[in-house]
Amino acid sequence: GRPWRVPAERIKALLNDRENSVRDAPILVQQRENSIPLCPRALRYNLSNREDAHLYVAAYSDEISEANKRHRVSYSNTYKDRPIRGFWDTVYFTDEAHFNPTESFQQPRILRRKGERLKQGNIRTQKKRKSSPLTLHMYASVNWKFKSPLGFYNNEKDMLKPPKQPRRPVQSKYETLEQHQKRVKE
């Protein structure tokens, strides 16, 4: 058959974070950044047939800090033998969530081979989301016998625009310096 236009080593390099810094970008961006002389569709075909690689939804992990982990383990060891009636039925757990409809709903994707989702190089950390005036804040609480309705709240600092600074007093061409200074003091 016809020889491939791009060598196998170059196609394989696209699956490596060290050689392809934009592995989680769309195929078109990867093709441009790595100077591959193929159109995006041909590059997808090459990746699929030669390396069995596709753009898949990236696996992500939220890391728990060591201090938080120690705190959680000590909490569970302290209270694991407490009775449900008289202790756990008086404990309330709360959680909150934030939703912004203007953010991208598409999950991040990464170029990888099938079956390699949980390999170390394919796991990404989740990005922190920025709050905006359109962010919807929700909360709820639960305990052994009770589940609260979903509550909503606003961050006032998110909703209010800061007021503009007052203008600096400008001296009119019709007022004297003394009149201007008197007006500034008032």
Foldseek 3Di string as FASTA:
>chain_A
DDDDPDDPVLLVLLADCVSQVVQQPQQQVSCVVSVPPDHSVVSQVCCCVPVQKDWDQAAEDADDDPVRVVVVVVVCVVPVPPDCPPPQQPDKDKDKDKDAVVDDPDGTIGIDHPPCRPPPVRYYYDDDDDDALRMWMWMWMDTDPDTGDIDTDGDVVRNDDDDDDDDDQDDDPPDDPVVSVVVNVD
